[in-house]
N, C-alpha and C. Protein backbone atom coordinates (compact mmCIF):
# COMPACT_ATOMS: atom_id res chain seq x y z
N MET A 1 33.89 -34.39 -32.22
CA MET A 1 33.49 -34.20 -30.83
C MET A 1 32.32 -33.21 -30.76
N LYS A 2 31.32 -33.57 -29.96
CA LYS A 2 30.14 -32.72 -29.82
C LYS A 2 30.46 -31.50 -28.96
N LYS A 3 29.90 -30.36 -29.37
CA LYS A 3 30.06 -29.15 -28.59
C LYS A 3 29.04 -29.17 -27.46
N LYS A 4 29.48 -28.87 -26.23
CA LYS A 4 28.57 -28.87 -25.10
C LYS A 4 27.66 -27.64 -25.19
N ARG A 5 26.36 -27.89 -25.12
CA ARG A 5 25.39 -26.81 -25.22
C ARG A 5 25.30 -26.06 -23.89
N ILE A 6 25.36 -24.72 -23.97
CA ILE A 6 25.27 -23.91 -22.76
C ILE A 6 23.80 -23.55 -22.54
N PRO A 7 23.26 -23.91 -21.34
CA PRO A 7 21.85 -23.59 -21.09
C PRO A 7 21.63 -22.08 -20.96
N LEU A 8 20.67 -21.57 -21.72
CA LEU A 8 20.33 -20.15 -21.68
C LEU A 8 19.04 -19.94 -20.90
N ARG A 9 18.98 -18.85 -20.17
CA ARG A 9 17.77 -18.48 -19.43
C ARG A 9 17.50 -17.01 -19.68
N LYS A 10 16.22 -16.63 -19.59
CA LYS A 10 15.84 -15.25 -19.85
C LYS A 10 15.73 -14.47 -18.55
N CYS A 11 16.35 -13.29 -18.52
CA CYS A 11 16.29 -12.40 -17.37
C CYS A 11 14.90 -11.76 -17.30
N VAL A 12 14.27 -11.76 -16.10
CA VAL A 12 12.95 -11.15 -15.98
C VAL A 12 13.03 -9.64 -16.03
N GLY A 13 14.21 -9.07 -15.75
CA GLY A 13 14.37 -7.62 -15.78
C GLY A 13 14.46 -7.05 -17.18
N CYS A 14 15.47 -7.52 -17.95
CA CYS A 14 15.72 -6.95 -19.28
C CYS A 14 15.17 -7.81 -20.42
N GLY A 15 14.86 -9.07 -20.14
CA GLY A 15 14.32 -9.95 -21.18
C GLY A 15 15.38 -10.57 -22.08
N GLU A 16 16.66 -10.37 -21.77
CA GLU A 16 17.74 -10.95 -22.57
C GLU A 16 18.02 -12.39 -22.16
N SER A 17 18.31 -13.24 -23.14
CA SER A 17 18.71 -14.61 -22.84
C SER A 17 20.21 -14.64 -22.62
N LYS A 18 20.62 -15.22 -21.50
CA LYS A 18 22.04 -15.28 -21.14
C LYS A 18 22.34 -16.67 -20.59
N PRO A 19 23.64 -17.05 -20.57
CA PRO A 19 23.99 -18.33 -19.96
C PRO A 19 23.53 -18.39 -18.51
N LYS A 20 23.02 -19.55 -18.11
CA LYS A 20 22.45 -19.77 -16.78
C LYS A 20 23.39 -19.34 -15.66
N LYS A 21 24.68 -19.58 -15.84
CA LYS A 21 25.67 -19.28 -14.81
C LYS A 21 25.85 -17.78 -14.57
N GLU A 22 25.47 -16.96 -15.54
CA GLU A 22 25.62 -15.50 -15.40
C GLU A 22 24.43 -14.86 -14.70
N LEU A 23 23.42 -15.65 -14.36
CA LEU A 23 22.19 -15.10 -13.77
C LEU A 23 21.99 -15.57 -12.35
N ILE A 24 21.17 -14.85 -11.61
CA ILE A 24 20.80 -15.23 -10.25
C ILE A 24 19.43 -15.89 -10.34
N ARG A 25 19.27 -17.04 -9.69
CA ARG A 25 17.98 -17.75 -9.71
C ARG A 25 17.24 -17.48 -8.41
N VAL A 26 15.99 -17.07 -8.56
CA VAL A 26 15.12 -16.85 -7.41
C VAL A 26 14.04 -17.93 -7.48
N VAL A 27 13.80 -18.62 -6.37
CA VAL A 27 12.92 -19.79 -6.36
C VAL A 27 11.77 -19.63 -5.37
N ARG A 28 10.58 -20.07 -5.79
CA ARG A 28 9.44 -20.19 -4.88
C ARG A 28 9.15 -21.67 -4.72
N ASN A 29 9.20 -22.15 -3.47
CA ASN A 29 8.94 -23.58 -3.25
C ASN A 29 7.45 -23.83 -3.00
N LYS A 30 7.08 -25.09 -2.78
CA LYS A 30 5.67 -25.46 -2.59
C LYS A 30 5.03 -24.77 -1.40
N GLU A 31 5.84 -24.45 -0.38
CA GLU A 31 5.32 -23.79 0.82
C GLU A 31 5.09 -22.30 0.59
N GLY A 32 5.52 -21.80 -0.56
CA GLY A 32 5.35 -20.38 -0.87
C GLY A 32 6.49 -19.50 -0.39
N GLN A 33 7.59 -20.14 0.04
CA GLN A 33 8.75 -19.37 0.49
C GLN A 33 9.59 -18.99 -0.73
N VAL A 34 10.11 -17.77 -0.73
CA VAL A 34 10.94 -17.29 -1.83
C VAL A 34 12.38 -17.17 -1.33
N ASN A 35 13.30 -17.77 -2.09
CA ASN A 35 14.72 -17.74 -1.72
C ASN A 35 15.58 -17.52 -2.94
N ILE A 36 16.82 -17.13 -2.68
CA ILE A 36 17.81 -17.06 -3.75
C ILE A 36 18.47 -18.42 -3.82
N ASP A 37 18.51 -19.00 -5.02
CA ASP A 37 19.07 -20.34 -5.21
C ASP A 37 20.49 -20.21 -5.75
N GLN A 38 21.47 -20.37 -4.87
CA GLN A 38 22.88 -20.25 -5.27
C GLN A 38 23.32 -21.44 -6.11
N THR A 39 22.74 -22.62 -5.86
CA THR A 39 23.18 -23.84 -6.54
C THR A 39 22.54 -23.99 -7.92
N GLY A 40 21.33 -23.43 -8.10
CA GLY A 40 20.61 -23.59 -9.36
C GLY A 40 19.88 -24.92 -9.43
N LYS A 41 19.81 -25.63 -8.30
CA LYS A 41 19.20 -26.96 -8.30
C LYS A 41 18.02 -27.09 -7.34
N ALA A 42 17.65 -26.00 -6.66
CA ALA A 42 16.56 -26.07 -5.68
C ALA A 42 15.24 -26.37 -6.37
N LYS A 43 14.39 -27.14 -5.68
CA LYS A 43 13.08 -27.48 -6.24
C LYS A 43 12.16 -26.28 -6.12
N GLY A 44 11.31 -26.13 -7.12
CA GLY A 44 10.32 -25.05 -7.09
C GLY A 44 10.34 -24.26 -8.38
N ARG A 45 9.46 -23.28 -8.43
CA ARG A 45 9.34 -22.43 -9.61
C ARG A 45 10.47 -21.39 -9.56
N GLY A 46 11.23 -21.30 -10.63
CA GLY A 46 12.37 -20.41 -10.65
C GLY A 46 12.22 -19.27 -11.64
N ALA A 47 12.87 -18.17 -11.32
CA ALA A 47 12.95 -17.02 -12.22
C ALA A 47 14.40 -16.55 -12.18
N TYR A 48 14.88 -16.04 -13.28
CA TYR A 48 16.27 -15.62 -13.37
C TYR A 48 16.37 -14.12 -13.55
N ILE A 49 17.43 -13.55 -12.98
CA ILE A 49 17.66 -12.12 -13.12
C ILE A 49 19.16 -11.86 -13.28
N CYS A 50 19.49 -10.89 -14.13
CA CYS A 50 20.89 -10.53 -14.38
C CYS A 50 21.55 -10.02 -13.11
N LYS A 51 22.87 -10.07 -13.11
CA LYS A 51 23.63 -9.56 -11.96
C LYS A 51 23.92 -8.08 -12.13
N GLY A 52 22.95 -7.35 -12.66
CA GLY A 52 23.10 -5.91 -12.87
C GLY A 52 22.05 -5.16 -12.09
N GLU A 53 22.43 -4.00 -11.56
CA GLU A 53 21.52 -3.23 -10.73
C GLU A 53 20.31 -2.71 -11.51
N GLU A 54 20.51 -2.39 -12.81
CA GLU A 54 19.40 -1.89 -13.62
C GLU A 54 18.30 -2.93 -13.73
N CYS A 55 18.68 -4.19 -13.91
CA CYS A 55 17.71 -5.27 -14.07
C CYS A 55 16.88 -5.47 -12.82
N ILE A 56 17.53 -5.47 -11.65
CA ILE A 56 16.78 -5.69 -10.41
C ILE A 56 15.87 -4.51 -10.14
N ASN A 57 16.33 -3.29 -10.43
CA ASN A 57 15.49 -2.12 -10.21
C ASN A 57 14.27 -2.14 -11.12
N LYS A 58 14.47 -2.55 -12.37
CA LYS A 58 13.35 -2.66 -13.32
C LYS A 58 12.36 -3.74 -12.87
N ALA A 59 12.91 -4.86 -12.39
CA ALA A 59 12.06 -5.97 -11.93
C ALA A 59 11.23 -5.55 -10.71
N ILE A 60 11.82 -4.74 -9.83
CA ILE A 60 11.10 -4.27 -8.64
C ILE A 60 10.00 -3.30 -9.07
N LYS A 61 10.37 -2.33 -9.92
CA LYS A 61 9.44 -1.29 -10.34
C LYS A 61 8.23 -1.86 -11.07
N GLU A 62 8.49 -2.80 -11.96
CA GLU A 62 7.41 -3.36 -12.77
C GLU A 62 6.85 -4.68 -12.23
N LYS A 63 7.28 -5.05 -11.02
CA LYS A 63 6.81 -6.28 -10.34
C LYS A 63 6.95 -7.52 -11.23
N LYS A 64 8.06 -7.61 -11.95
CA LYS A 64 8.26 -8.72 -12.88
C LYS A 64 8.54 -10.04 -12.17
N LEU A 65 9.29 -10.00 -11.07
CA LEU A 65 9.55 -11.23 -10.31
C LEU A 65 8.26 -11.74 -9.68
N ASN A 66 7.44 -10.82 -9.18
CA ASN A 66 6.15 -11.21 -8.59
C ASN A 66 5.33 -11.98 -9.61
N ARG A 67 5.28 -11.47 -10.84
CA ARG A 67 4.48 -12.10 -11.89
C ARG A 67 5.03 -13.46 -12.28
N SER A 68 6.33 -13.55 -12.46
CA SER A 68 6.89 -14.82 -12.94
C SER A 68 6.85 -15.91 -11.86
N LEU A 69 6.93 -15.53 -10.59
CA LEU A 69 6.86 -16.52 -9.51
C LEU A 69 5.44 -16.67 -8.97
N LYS A 70 4.53 -15.84 -9.46
CA LYS A 70 3.11 -15.89 -9.06
C LYS A 70 2.93 -15.76 -7.54
N ILE A 71 3.66 -14.81 -6.94
CA ILE A 71 3.57 -14.58 -5.50
C ILE A 71 4.10 -13.16 -5.23
N ASP A 72 3.63 -12.55 -4.13
CA ASP A 72 4.17 -11.26 -3.72
C ASP A 72 5.53 -11.50 -3.08
N ILE A 73 6.53 -10.80 -3.58
CA ILE A 73 7.88 -11.02 -3.09
C ILE A 73 8.20 -9.99 -2.00
N PRO A 74 8.62 -10.47 -0.81
CA PRO A 74 8.94 -9.53 0.28
C PRO A 74 10.16 -8.67 -0.05
N LYS A 75 10.20 -7.47 0.54
CA LYS A 75 11.31 -6.54 0.32
C LYS A 75 12.66 -7.15 0.67
N GLU A 76 12.66 -8.03 1.69
CA GLU A 76 13.92 -8.64 2.14
C GLU A 76 14.59 -9.43 1.02
N ILE A 77 13.79 -10.08 0.18
CA ILE A 77 14.34 -10.88 -0.92
C ILE A 77 15.03 -9.95 -1.92
N TYR A 78 14.39 -8.82 -2.22
CA TYR A 78 15.01 -7.86 -3.14
C TYR A 78 16.32 -7.33 -2.55
N GLU A 79 16.33 -7.07 -1.24
CA GLU A 79 17.56 -6.60 -0.59
C GLU A 79 18.65 -7.65 -0.68
N GLU A 80 18.26 -8.92 -0.49
CA GLU A 80 19.21 -10.03 -0.57
C GLU A 80 19.79 -10.14 -1.99
N ILE A 81 18.93 -9.98 -3.00
CA ILE A 81 19.38 -10.04 -4.40
C ILE A 81 20.37 -8.91 -4.66
N LYS A 82 20.05 -7.71 -4.18
CA LYS A 82 20.96 -6.57 -4.36
C LYS A 82 22.31 -6.84 -3.70
N LYS A 83 22.28 -7.48 -2.52
CA LYS A 83 23.52 -7.81 -1.81
C LYS A 83 24.38 -8.78 -2.65
N VAL A 84 23.71 -9.79 -3.24
CA VAL A 84 24.41 -10.77 -4.08
C VAL A 84 25.02 -10.07 -5.30
N ILE A 85 24.28 -9.13 -5.88
CA ILE A 85 24.77 -8.39 -7.05
C ILE A 85 26.01 -7.59 -6.68
N LEU A 86 25.97 -6.90 -5.54
CA LEU A 86 27.12 -6.09 -5.10
C LEU A 86 28.34 -6.94 -4.81
N GLU A 87 28.13 -8.16 -4.26
CA GLU A 87 29.25 -9.08 -4.00
C GLU A 87 29.92 -9.54 -5.28
N ASN A 88 29.13 -9.69 -6.35
CA ASN A 88 29.66 -10.21 -7.61
C ASN A 88 30.34 -9.14 -8.47
N GLU A 89 30.18 -7.89 -8.11
CA GLU A 89 30.80 -6.83 -8.92
C GLU A 89 32.27 -6.67 -8.63
């Protein structure tokens, strides 16, 4: 029997590869809107971040999400990500 391969994604904050399900996906669609993708299936350019406060703080400080999504990310999105992180703890 074949072993099911677990998709790995790299966190923009710490740079570690982790299973996709353990990360939060942030998506920029064609209209330039940035959202948190809870399903992992939204269309658009995606970036992943760990569910840890250190990672989001590092990503904010070094503008890593801005670079990977090629857009300026509004403060509200960062607040939303922090809220999702706190809910998952």
